[in-house]
Amino acid sequence: MDVILRLFPIKYTKLNSNDNSKFGSVVDSGYNLYDVSNITPQLKYLIKDDIIKGVTYSSLTPYLCKAIQELSAAVLQLEIELGL
């Protein structure tokens, strides 16, 4: 859960992939690559010319599953304590 709690979603303008211009660009959401690479260097990254260009978001799935498991266990414990 620690990894998930340290990620902060952002919105950014994805530039046109043909010429890196704003013409044809779209607003997208994701994570700051610098933050992600410092928090979880073991994720799969898209690298070009030895520079991180993106993250493979599917590599976050195990962290999301673990966070859900931890939250479920916490809810179950609270339900037991409250007699629900």
C-alpha atoms as a PDB file:
ATOM      1  CA  MET A   1       0.000   0.000   0.000  1.00  0.00           C
ATOM      2  CA  ASP A   2       2.945   2.270   0.673  1.00  0.00           C
ATOM      3  CA  VAL A   3       3.789   2.457  -3.040  1.00  0.00           C
ATOM      4  CA  ILE A   4       0.215   3.361  -4.014  1.00  0.00           C
ATOM      5  CA  LEU A   5      -0.077   6.036  -1.320  1.00  0.00           C
ATOM      6  CA  ARG A   6       3.071   7.738  -2.603  1.00  0.00           C
ATOM      7  CA  LEU A   7       1.791   8.057  -6.195  1.00  0.00           C
ATOM      8  CA  PHE A   8      -0.021  11.263  -7.086  1.00  0.00           C
ATOM      9  CA  PRO A   9      -2.023  11.371 -10.330  1.00  0.00           C
ATOM     10  CA  ILE A  10      -1.476  14.339 -12.633  1.00  0.00           C
ATOM     11  CA  LYS A  11      -3.055  15.684 -15.814  1.00  0.00           C
ATOM     12  CA  TYR A  12      -0.793  16.632 -18.685  1.00  0.00           C
ATOM     13  CA  THR A  13      -0.932  17.531 -22.351  1.00  0.00           C
ATOM     14  CA  LYS A  14       0.163  14.643 -24.535  1.00  0.00           C
ATOM     15  CA  LEU A  15       1.853  16.165 -27.552  1.00  0.00           C
ATOM     16  CA  ASN A  16       1.276  15.033 -31.129  1.00  0.00           C
ATOM     17  CA  SER A  17       3.583  12.040 -31.549  1.00  0.00           C
ATOM     18  CA  ASN A  18       4.403  12.929 -35.159  1.00  0.00           C
ATOM     19  CA  ASP A  19       6.071  16.277 -34.539  1.00  0.00           C
ATOM     20  CA  ASN A  20       5.795  16.937 -30.764  1.00  0.00           C
ATOM     21  CA  SER A  21       3.505  19.886 -31.422  1.00  0.00           C
ATOM     22  CA  LYS A  22       0.364  20.793 -29.528  1.00  0.00           C
ATOM     23  CA  PHE A  23      -1.663  20.466 -32.718  1.00  0.00           C
ATOM     24  CA  GLY A  24      -3.714  17.323 -32.310  1.00  0.00           C
ATOM     25  CA  SER A  25      -2.628  16.947 -28.685  1.00  0.00           C
ATOM     26  CA  VAL A  26      -4.905  15.660 -25.935  1.00  0.00           C
ATOM     27  CA  VAL A  27      -5.117  16.063 -22.181  1.00  0.00           C
ATOM     28  CA  ASP A  28      -4.255  12.788 -20.481  1.00  0.00           C
ATOM     29  CA  SER A  29      -3.708  11.611 -16.935  1.00  0.00           C
ATOM     30  CA  GLY A  30      -0.940   9.587 -15.389  1.00  0.00           C
ATOM     31  CA  TYR A  31       1.946   9.961 -12.975  1.00  0.00           C
ATOM     32  CA  ASN A  32       5.072  12.082 -12.892  1.00  0.00           C
ATOM     33  CA  LEU A  33       7.792   9.789 -14.262  1.00  0.00           C
ATOM     34  CA  TYR A  34      10.428  11.243 -11.960  1.00  0.00           C
ATOM     35  CA  ASP A  35       8.289  10.467  -8.896  1.00  0.00           C
ATOM     36  CA  VAL A  36       7.354   6.983 -10.093  1.00  0.00           C
ATOM     37  CA  SER A  37      10.923   5.996 -10.940  1.00  0.00           C
ATOM     38  CA  ASN A  38      12.114   7.138  -7.505  1.00  0.00           C
ATOM     39  CA  ILE A  39       9.299   5.330  -5.667  1.00  0.00           C
ATOM     40  CA  THR A  40       9.349   2.068  -7.619  1.00  0.00           C
ATOM     41  CA  PRO A  41      12.492   1.601  -9.687  1.00  0.00           C
ATOM     42  CA  GLN A  42      11.585  -2.084 -10.240  1.00  0.00           C
ATOM     43  CA  LEU A  43       8.641  -1.222 -12.522  1.00  0.00           C
ATOM     44  CA  LYS A  44       8.897  -1.689 -16.280  1.00  0.00           C
ATOM     45  CA  TYR A  45       9.800   1.541 -18.032  1.00  0.00           C
ATOM     46  CA  LEU A  46       9.854   2.628 -21.665  1.00  0.00           C
ATOM     47  CA  ILE A  47      13.404   3.807 -22.333  1.00  0.00           C
ATOM     48  CA  LYS A  48      14.716   5.600 -25.422  1.00  0.00           C
ATOM     49  CA  ASP A  49      18.273   6.909 -25.760  1.00  0.00           C
ATOM     50  CA  ASP A  50      18.925   5.946 -22.101  1.00  0.00           C
ATOM     51  CA  ILE A  51      16.119   8.267 -20.940  1.00  0.00           C
ATOM     52  CA  ILE A  52      12.921   7.087 -19.263  1.00  0.00           C
ATOM     53  CA  LYS A  53      10.080   8.044 -21.603  1.00  0.00           C
ATOM     54  CA  GLY A  54       7.185   6.240 -19.943  1.00  0.00           C
ATOM     55  CA  VAL A  55       6.043   3.593 -17.521  1.00  0.00           C
ATOM     56  CA  THR A  56       4.237   0.373 -18.325  1.00  0.00           C
ATOM     57  CA  TYR A  57       1.117   0.920 -16.219  1.00  0.00           C
ATOM     58  CA  SER A  58       0.284  -2.779 -16.173  1.00  0.00           C
ATOM     59  CA  SER A  59       3.369  -3.257 -13.991  1.00  0.00           C
ATOM     60  CA  LEU A  60       1.482  -1.354 -11.251  1.00  0.00           C
ATOM     61  CA  THR A  61      -1.160  -4.117 -11.054  1.00  0.00           C
ATOM     62  CA  PRO A  62       0.585  -6.196  -8.340  1.00  0.00           C
ATOM     63  CA  TYR A  63       0.878  -3.080  -6.156  1.00  0.00           C
ATOM     64  CA  LEU A  64      -2.796  -2.271  -6.674  1.00  0.00           C
ATOM     65  CA  CYS A  65      -3.788  -5.856  -5.791  1.00  0.00           C
ATOM     66  CA  LYS A  66      -1.684  -5.749  -2.624  1.00  0.00           C
ATOM     67  CA  ALA A  67      -3.241  -2.424  -1.617  1.00  0.00           C
ATOM     68  CA  ILE A  68      -6.760  -3.854  -2.100  1.00  0.00           C
ATOM     69  CA  GLN A  69      -5.836  -6.912  -0.021  1.00  0.00           C
ATOM     70  CA  GLU A  70      -4.495  -4.714   2.788  1.00  0.00           C
ATOM     71  CA  LEU A  71      -7.597  -2.507   2.724  1.00  0.00           C
ATOM     72  CA  SER A  72      -9.879  -5.555   2.744  1.00  0.00           C
ATOM     73  CA  ALA A  73      -8.032  -6.994   5.742  1.00  0.00           C
ATOM     74  CA  ALA A  74      -8.336  -3.666   7.582  1.00  0.00           C
ATOM     75  CA  VAL A  75     -12.089  -3.467   6.860  1.00  0.00           C
ATOM     76  CA  LEU A  76     -12.565  -7.070   8.025  1.00  0.00           C
ATOM     77  CA  GLN A  77     -10.679  -6.338  11.252  1.00  0.00           C
ATOM     78  CA  LEU A  78     -12.848  -3.276  11.908  1.00  0.00           C
ATOM     79  CA  GLU A  79     -16.016  -5.271  11.217  1.00  0.00           C
ATOM     80  CA  ILE A  80     -14.876  -7.904  13.720  1.00  0.00           C
ATOM     81  CA  GLU A  81     -14.063  -5.266  16.327  1.00  0.00           C
ATOM     82  CA  LEU A  82     -17.445  -3.570  15.825  1.00  0.00           C
ATOM     83  CA  GLY A  83     -19.343  -6.865  15.749  1.00  0.00           C
ATOM     84  CA  LEU A  84     -20.731  -6.313  12.271  1.00  0.00           C
END
